């Protein structure tokens, strides 16, 4: 996410003055920048979906879904929630970087998964959208409700904060998410259709 700065009120000789943080941005400016960044990430995600011959639509009323993903000739529909990180932490050994994301708990803890909800966690690096982690909410819920600690709950804003480590593999709180890296075809409407002309192979014995 964009780096936070503080805006304080300091009294000087000419009355109250706003004291800006290190980036010289007021709270209002940061909010505007966040809106532009979020929208840019959303459009980048939609562009990739369209490139893969999927369809994407932005709901007229935003109640937690950023994008609907579908294909006109198929019944599958998924919801996408897009989150952006524009200040990834580069590892000193040059093996990769980490990115932080905040997921609102009101949405994250919802068990209604029809249509299924996926997160598209986009990282801007080297002046481009370098990686997008495409992962279902159901999968992250399993990790969160498991025996090992997953992420960090921020009570002040009711958000689950996670740090994703991008190296050769992708990890988050010890969970392997490598197969979610730029995994656009994991979205049901973009998954390859089965080859109906291919003869079925031998069936495996029941396990």
C-alpha atoms as a PDB file:
ATOM      1  CA  UNK A   1       0.000   0.000   0.000  1.00  0.00           C
ATOM      2  CA  UNK A   2       1.104   3.599  -0.300  1.00  0.00           C
ATOM      3  CA  UNK A   3       3.424   4.716   2.486  1.00  0.00           C
ATOM      4  CA  UNK A   4       1.551   6.433   5.269  1.00  0.00           C
ATOM      5  CA  UNK A   5       2.499   9.939   6.361  1.00  0.00           C
ATOM      6  CA  UNK A   6       1.432  11.916   9.363  1.00  0.00           C
ATOM      7  CA  UNK A   7      -0.455  15.182   9.228  1.00  0.00           C
ATOM      8  CA  UNK A   8      -0.181  17.060  12.485  1.00  0.00           C
ATOM      9  CA  UNK A   9      -1.359  20.503  13.586  1.00  0.00           C
ATOM     10  CA  UNK A  10       1.491  22.646  14.834  1.00  0.00           C
ATOM     11  CA  UNK A  11       1.009  26.138  16.231  1.00  0.00           C
ATOM     12  CA  UNK A  12       3.343  28.808  14.918  1.00  0.00           C
ATOM     13  CA  UNK A  13       3.521  32.577  15.005  1.00  0.00           C
ATOM     14  CA  UNK A  14       0.890  32.893  12.304  1.00  0.00           C
ATOM     15  CA  UNK A  15      -1.633  30.518  13.875  1.00  0.00           C
ATOM     16  CA  UNK A  16      -2.245  26.802  13.380  1.00  0.00           C
ATOM     17  CA  UNK A  17      -0.335  25.201  10.538  1.00  0.00           C
ATOM     18  CA  UNK A  18      -0.503  21.751   9.066  1.00  0.00           C
ATOM     19  CA  UNK A  19       2.690  19.785   9.507  1.00  0.00           C
ATOM     20  CA  UNK A  20       3.126  17.273   6.709  1.00  0.00           C
ATOM     21  CA  UNK A  21       4.959  13.984   6.788  1.00  0.00           C
ATOM     22  CA  UNK A  22       8.102  12.943   4.974  1.00  0.00           C
ATOM     23  CA  UNK A  23       6.455  12.764   1.576  1.00  0.00           C
ATOM     24  CA  UNK A  24       4.938  16.242   1.876  1.00  0.00           C
ATOM     25  CA  UNK A  25       1.413  14.903   1.423  1.00  0.00           C
ATOM     26  CA  UNK A  26      -1.661  15.853   3.382  1.00  0.00           C
ATOM     27  CA  UNK A  27      -4.206  13.216   4.365  1.00  0.00           C
ATOM     28  CA  UNK A  28      -6.477  14.383   1.577  1.00  0.00           C
ATOM     29  CA  UNK A  29      -3.694  14.048  -0.997  1.00  0.00           C
ATOM     30  CA  UNK A  30      -2.841  10.553   0.242  1.00  0.00           C
ATOM     31  CA  UNK A  31      -6.476   9.547  -0.119  1.00  0.00           C
ATOM     32  CA  UNK A  32      -6.518  10.843  -3.681  1.00  0.00           C
ATOM     33  CA  UNK A  33      -3.293   9.008  -4.502  1.00  0.00           C
ATOM     34  CA  UNK A  34      -4.670   5.788  -2.985  1.00  0.00           C
ATOM     35  CA  UNK A  35      -7.777   6.110  -5.155  1.00  0.00           C
ATOM     36  CA  UNK A  36      -5.706   6.537  -8.308  1.00  0.00           C
ATOM     37  CA  UNK A  37      -3.447   3.628  -7.371  1.00  0.00           C
ATOM     38  CA  UNK A  38      -6.351   1.335  -6.574  1.00  0.00           C
ATOM     39  CA  UNK A  39      -8.070   2.205  -9.825  1.00  0.00           C
ATOM     40  CA  UNK A  40      -4.862   1.644 -11.788  1.00  0.00           C
ATOM     41  CA  UNK A  41      -4.466  -1.826 -10.256  1.00  0.00           C
ATOM     42  CA  UNK A  42      -8.101  -2.633 -10.989  1.00  0.00           C
ATOM     43  CA  UNK A  43      -7.757  -1.679 -14.646  1.00  0.00           C
ATOM     44  CA  UNK A  44      -4.477  -3.617 -14.968  1.00  0.00           C
ATOM     45  CA  UNK A  45      -6.217  -6.721 -13.633  1.00  0.00           C
ATOM     46  CA  UNK A  46      -9.131  -6.247 -16.021  1.00  0.00           C
ATOM     47  CA  UNK A  47      -6.744  -5.792 -18.962  1.00  0.00           C
ATOM     48  CA  UNK A  48      -5.103  -9.141 -18.236  1.00  0.00           C
ATOM     49  CA  UNK A  49      -8.481 -10.869 -18.014  1.00  0.00           C
ATOM     50  CA  UNK A  50      -9.524  -9.397 -21.362  1.00  0.00           C
ATOM     51  CA  UNK A  51      -6.190 -10.418 -22.882  1.00  0.00           C
ATOM     52  CA  UNK A  52      -7.027 -14.014 -21.910  1.00  0.00           C
ATOM     53  CA  UNK A  53     -10.371 -13.731 -23.716  1.00  0.00           C
ATOM     54  CA  UNK A  54     -12.372 -13.452 -20.518  1.00  0.00           C
ATOM     55  CA  UNK A  55     -14.895 -10.746 -19.786  1.00  0.00           C
ATOM     56  CA  UNK A  56     -14.874  -8.315 -16.882  1.00  0.00           C
ATOM     57  CA  UNK A  57     -17.433  -5.920 -15.471  1.00  0.00           C
ATOM     58  CA  UNK A  58     -17.353  -3.310 -12.701  1.00  0.00           C
ATOM     59  CA  UNK A  59     -20.535  -3.311 -10.591  1.00  0.00           C
ATOM     60  CA  UNK A  60     -22.568  -0.108 -10.626  1.00  0.00           C
ATOM     61  CA  UNK A  61     -22.724  -0.177  -6.807  1.00  0.00           C
ATOM     62  CA  UNK A  62     -19.583  -1.156  -4.912  1.00  0.00           C
ATOM     63  CA  UNK A  63     -20.519  -3.340  -1.952  1.00  0.00           C
ATOM     64  CA  UNK A  64     -17.182  -5.165  -1.783  1.00  0.00           C
ATOM     65  CA  UNK A  65     -16.705  -6.593  -5.264  1.00  0.00           C
ATOM     66  CA  UNK A  66     -14.330  -4.717  -7.558  1.00  0.00           C
ATOM     67  CA  UNK A  67     -14.728  -6.842 -10.695  1.00  0.00           C
ATOM     68  CA  UNK A  68     -16.960  -9.648 -11.930  1.00  0.00           C
ATOM     69  CA  UNK A  69     -15.145 -12.148 -14.159  1.00  0.00           C
ATOM     70  CA  UNK A  70     -17.096 -14.316 -16.593  1.00  0.00           C
ATOM     71  CA  UNK A  71     -17.193 -15.727 -20.085  1.00  0.00           C
ATOM     72  CA  UNK A  72     -20.233 -15.252 -22.279  1.00  0.00           C
ATOM     73  CA  UNK A  73     -20.286 -18.916 -23.322  1.00  0.00           C
ATOM     74  CA  UNK A  74     -19.802 -20.419 -19.867  1.00  0.00           C
ATOM     75  CA  UNK A  75     -21.803 -20.505 -16.618  1.00  0.00           C
ATOM     76  CA  UNK A  76     -18.927 -19.741 -14.220  1.00  0.00           C
ATOM     77  CA  UNK A  77     -18.763 -16.322 -12.565  1.00  0.00           C
ATOM     78  CA  UNK A  78     -16.311 -15.132  -9.913  1.00  0.00           C
ATOM     79  CA  UNK A  79     -15.931 -11.960  -7.902  1.00  0.00           C
ATOM     80  CA  UNK A  80     -12.565 -10.228  -7.644  1.00  0.00           C
ATOM     81  CA  UNK A  81     -11.345  -7.958  -4.878  1.00  0.00           C
ATOM     82  CA  UNK A  82      -8.258  -6.048  -6.023  1.00  0.00           C
ATOM     83  CA  UNK A  83      -5.611  -4.839  -3.568  1.00  0.00           C
ATOM     84  CA  UNK A  84      -2.438  -2.974  -4.505  1.00  0.00           C
ATOM     85  CA  UNK A  85       1.032  -2.600  -2.996  1.00  0.00           C
ATOM     86  CA  UNK A  86       3.238   0.076  -4.537  1.00  0.00           C
ATOM     87  CA  UNK A  87       6.094   0.040  -2.004  1.00  0.00           C
ATOM     88  CA  UNK A  88       7.395  -3.547  -1.871  1.00  0.00           C
ATOM     89  CA  UNK A  89      10.376  -4.237   0.381  1.00  0.00           C
ATOM     90  CA  UNK A  90      13.389  -5.342  -1.641  1.00  0.00           C
ATOM     91  CA  UNK A  91      15.562  -8.008  -0.032  1.00  0.00           C
ATOM     92  CA  UNK A  92      19.199  -7.023   0.424  1.00  0.00           C
ATOM     93  CA  UNK A  93      20.392 -10.332  -1.039  1.00  0.00           C
ATOM     94  CA  UNK A  94      18.471  -9.593  -4.273  1.00  0.00           C
ATOM     95  CA  UNK A  95      16.499 -12.826  -3.992  1.00  0.00           C
ATOM     96  CA  UNK A  96      13.128 -11.118  -4.209  1.00  0.00           C
ATOM     97  CA  UNK A  97      10.855  -8.836  -2.236  1.00  0.00           C
ATOM     98  CA  UNK A  98       7.891  -8.762   0.112  1.00  0.00           C
ATOM     99  CA  UNK A  99       4.580  -6.928  -0.195  1.00  0.00           C
ATOM    100  CA  UNK A 100       1.998  -6.079   2.446  1.00  0.00           C
ATOM    101  CA  UNK A 101      -1.771  -6.137   1.950  1.00  0.00           C
ATOM    102  CA  UNK A 102      -4.723  -5.353   4.220  1.00  0.00           C
ATOM    103  CA  UNK A 103      -7.916  -7.394   3.829  1.00  0.00           C
ATOM    104  CA  UNK A 104     -11.067  -6.037   5.524  1.00  0.00           C
ATOM    105  CA  UNK A 105     -12.306  -8.660   7.986  1.00  0.00           C
ATOM    106  CA  UNK A 106     -15.959  -7.865   7.261  1.00  0.00           C
ATOM    107  CA  UNK A 107     -15.479  -9.300   3.792  1.00  0.00           C
ATOM    108  CA  UNK A 108     -12.778 -11.839   4.625  1.00  0.00           C
ATOM    109  CA  UNK A 109     -14.818 -13.602   7.317  1.00  0.00           C
ATOM    110  CA  UNK A 110     -17.990 -13.827   5.200  1.00  0.00           C
ATOM    111  CA  UNK A 111     -18.805 -17.463   4.466  1.00  0.00           C
ATOM    112  CA  UNK A 112     -21.091 -16.664   1.535  1.00  0.00           C
ATOM    113  CA  UNK A 113     -19.031 -17.750  -1.457  1.00  0.00           C
ATOM    114  CA  UNK A 114     -21.606 -17.612  -4.235  1.00  0.00           C
ATOM    115  CA  UNK A 115     -20.227 -16.520  -6.619  1.00  0.00           C
ATOM    116  CA  UNK A 116     -16.775 -17.403  -5.277  1.00  0.00           C
ATOM    117  CA  UNK A 117     -14.577 -14.502  -4.203  1.00  0.00           C
ATOM    118  CA  UNK A 118     -10.954 -14.262  -5.266  1.00  0.00           C
ATOM    119  CA  UNK A 119      -8.310 -11.720  -4.304  1.00  0.00           C
ATOM    120  CA  UNK A 120      -6.039 -10.155  -6.904  1.00  0.00           C
ATOM    121  CA  UNK A 121      -3.097  -8.818  -4.885  1.00  0.00           C
ATOM    122  CA  UNK A 122      -1.147  -6.620  -7.280  1.00  0.00           C
ATOM    123  CA  UNK A 123       2.435  -5.432  -6.736  1.00  0.00           C
ATOM    124  CA  UNK A 124       3.850  -2.427  -8.578  1.00  0.00           C
ATOM    125  CA  UNK A 125       7.614  -2.701  -8.928  1.00  0.00           C
ATOM    126  CA  UNK A 126      10.118  -1.124 -11.315  1.00  0.00           C
ATOM    127  CA  UNK A 127       7.388   1.126 -12.746  1.00  0.00           C
ATOM    128  CA  UNK A 128       5.138  -1.760 -13.770  1.00  0.00           C
ATOM    129  CA  UNK A 129       2.687  -4.236 -12.282  1.00  0.00           C
ATOM    130  CA  UNK A 130       5.231  -6.995 -11.700  1.00  0.00           C
ATOM    131  CA  UNK A 131       3.200  -9.694  -9.943  1.00  0.00           C
ATOM    132  CA  UNK A 132      -0.420 -10.411  -9.147  1.00  0.00           C
ATOM    133  CA  UNK A 133      -1.292 -13.051  -6.585  1.00  0.00           C
ATOM    134  CA  UNK A 134      -4.608 -14.624  -7.608  1.00  0.00           C
ATOM    135  CA  UNK A 135      -5.963 -16.576  -4.645  1.00  0.00           C
ATOM    136  CA  UNK A 136      -9.415 -17.576  -3.463  1.00  0.00           C
ATOM    137  CA  UNK A 137     -10.802 -16.225  -0.213  1.00  0.00           C
ATOM    138  CA  UNK A 138     -11.741 -19.799   0.754  1.00  0.00           C
ATOM    139  CA  UNK A 139      -8.091 -20.842   0.614  1.00  0.00           C
ATOM    140  CA  UNK A 140      -6.939 -17.930   2.766  1.00  0.00           C
ATOM    141  CA  UNK A 141      -9.769 -18.629   5.209  1.00  0.00           C
ATOM    142  CA  UNK A 142      -8.511 -22.197   5.620  1.00  0.00           C
ATOM    143  CA  UNK A 143      -5.053 -20.883   6.465  1.00  0.00           C
ATOM    144  CA  UNK A 144      -6.450 -18.269   8.862  1.00  0.00           C
ATOM    145  CA  UNK A 145      -8.614 -20.828  10.687  1.00  0.00           C
ATOM    146  CA  UNK A 146      -5.857 -23.433  10.795  1.00  0.00           C
ATOM    147  CA  UNK A 147      -3.529 -24.312  13.624  1.00  0.00           C
ATOM    148  CA  UNK A 148      -0.710 -21.984  12.522  1.00  0.00           C
ATOM    149  CA  UNK A 149      -0.848 -18.198  12.771  1.00  0.00           C
ATOM    150  CA  UNK A 150      -1.707 -16.585   9.460  1.00  0.00           C
ATOM    151  CA  UNK A 151      -1.287 -12.843   9.047  1.00  0.00           C
ATOM    152  CA  UNK A 152      -1.913 -10.288  11.758  1.00  0.00           C
ATOM    153  CA  UNK A 153      -5.286  -8.952  12.857  1.00  0.00           C
ATOM    154  CA  UNK A 154      -5.375  -5.163  13.234  1.00  0.00           C
ATOM    155  CA  UNK A 155      -8.128  -4.345  15.721  1.00  0.00           C
ATOM    156  CA  UNK A 156      -7.975  -0.604  15.097  1.00  0.00           C
ATOM    157  CA  UNK A 157      -9.280  -0.915  11.532  1.00  0.00           C
ATOM    158  CA  UNK A 158     -10.656  -4.481  11.599  1.00  0.00           C
ATOM    159  CA  UNK A 159      -8.325  -5.729   8.877  1.00  0.00           C
ATOM    160  CA  UNK A 160      -6.228  -8.816   8.349  1.00  0.00           C
ATOM    161  CA  UNK A 161      -2.725  -7.686   7.401  1.00  0.00           C
ATOM    162  CA  UNK A 162      -0.622 -10.167   5.458  1.00  0.00           C
ATOM    163  CA  UNK A 163       2.931 -10.050   4.129  1.00  0.00           C
ATOM    164  CA  UNK A 164       3.598 -12.008   0.961  1.00  0.00           C
ATOM    165  CA  UNK A 165       7.208 -13.009   0.254  1.00  0.00           C
ATOM    166  CA  UNK A 166       8.035 -13.189  -3.449  1.00  0.00           C
ATOM    167  CA  UNK A 167      11.184 -15.184  -4.165  1.00  0.00           C
ATOM    168  CA  UNK A 168      11.546 -18.149  -6.525  1.00  0.00           C
ATOM    169  CA  UNK A 169       8.629 -19.457  -4.537  1.00  0.00           C
ATOM    170  CA  UNK A 170       5.896 -17.409  -2.856  1.00  0.00           C
ATOM    171  CA  UNK A 171       5.194 -17.705   0.862  1.00  0.00           C
ATOM    172  CA  UNK A 172       2.821 -16.054   3.325  1.00  0.00           C
ATOM    173  CA  UNK A 173       3.046 -16.896   7.022  1.00  0.00           C
ATOM    174  CA  UNK A 174       4.695 -20.180   6.112  1.00  0.00           C
ATOM    175  CA  UNK A 175       2.026 -21.160   3.581  1.00  0.00           C
ATOM    176  CA  UNK A 176       3.103 -21.900   0.016  1.00  0.00           C
ATOM    177  CA  UNK A 177       1.281 -19.713  -2.521  1.00  0.00           C
ATOM    178  CA  UNK A 178       3.631 -20.251  -5.442  1.00  0.00           C
ATOM    179  CA  UNK A 179       0.881 -21.654  -7.652  1.00  0.00           C
ATOM    180  CA  UNK A 180      -1.119 -18.431  -7.135  1.00  0.00           C
ATOM    181  CA  UNK A 181       1.503 -16.181  -8.716  1.00  0.00           C
ATOM    182  CA  UNK A 182      -0.028 -14.629 -11.840  1.00  0.00           C
ATOM    183  CA  UNK A 183      -2.407 -17.607 -11.825  1.00  0.00           C
ATOM    184  CA  UNK A 184      -5.078 -16.072 -14.037  1.00  0.00           C
ATOM    185  CA  UNK A 185      -6.248 -19.399 -15.404  1.00  0.00           C
ATOM    186  CA  UNK A 186      -7.050 -20.571 -11.877  1.00  0.00           C
ATOM    187  CA  UNK A 187     -10.170 -18.405 -12.122  1.00  0.00           C
ATOM    188  CA  UNK A 188     -13.021 -20.760 -13.088  1.00  0.00           C
ATOM    189  CA  UNK A 189     -14.202 -18.714 -16.119  1.00  0.00           C
ATOM    190  CA  UNK A 190     -10.640 -18.738 -17.502  1.00  0.00           C
ATOM    191  CA  UNK A 191      -9.828 -22.390 -16.847  1.00  0.00           C
ATOM    192  CA  UNK A 192      -9.262 -24.483 -19.984  1.00  0.00           C
ATOM    193  CA  UNK A 193     -12.280 -26.462 -21.067  1.00  0.00           C
ATOM    194  CA  UNK A 194     -11.899 -30.254 -21.064  1.00  0.00           C
ATOM    195  CA  UNK A 195     -11.138 -31.819 -24.425  1.00  0.00           C
ATOM    196  CA  UNK A 196     -14.391 -33.660 -25.099  1.00  0.00           C
ATOM    197  CA  UNK A 197     -12.920 -35.315 -28.179  1.00  0.00           C
ATOM    198  CA  UNK A 198     -10.231 -37.084 -26.205  1.00  0.00           C
ATOM    199  CA  UNK A 199     -10.928 -40.639 -25.143  1.00  0.00           C
ATOM    200  CA  UNK A 200     -11.157 -40.994 -21.356  1.00  0.00           C
ATOM    201  CA  UNK A 201      -8.172 -42.591 -19.703  1.00  0.00           C
ATOM    202  CA  UNK A 202      -8.291 -45.510 -17.261  1.00  0.00           C
ATOM    203  CA  UNK A 203     -10.089 -44.693 -14.044  1.00  0.00           C
ATOM    204  CA  UNK A 204      -8.099 -44.793 -10.854  1.00  0.00           C
ATOM    205  CA  UNK A 205      -9.147 -47.186  -8.141  1.00  0.00           C
ATOM    206  CA  UNK A 206     -11.078 -45.552  -5.264  1.00  0.00           C
ATOM    207  CA  UNK A 207      -8.790 -44.306  -2.538  1.00  0.00           C
END
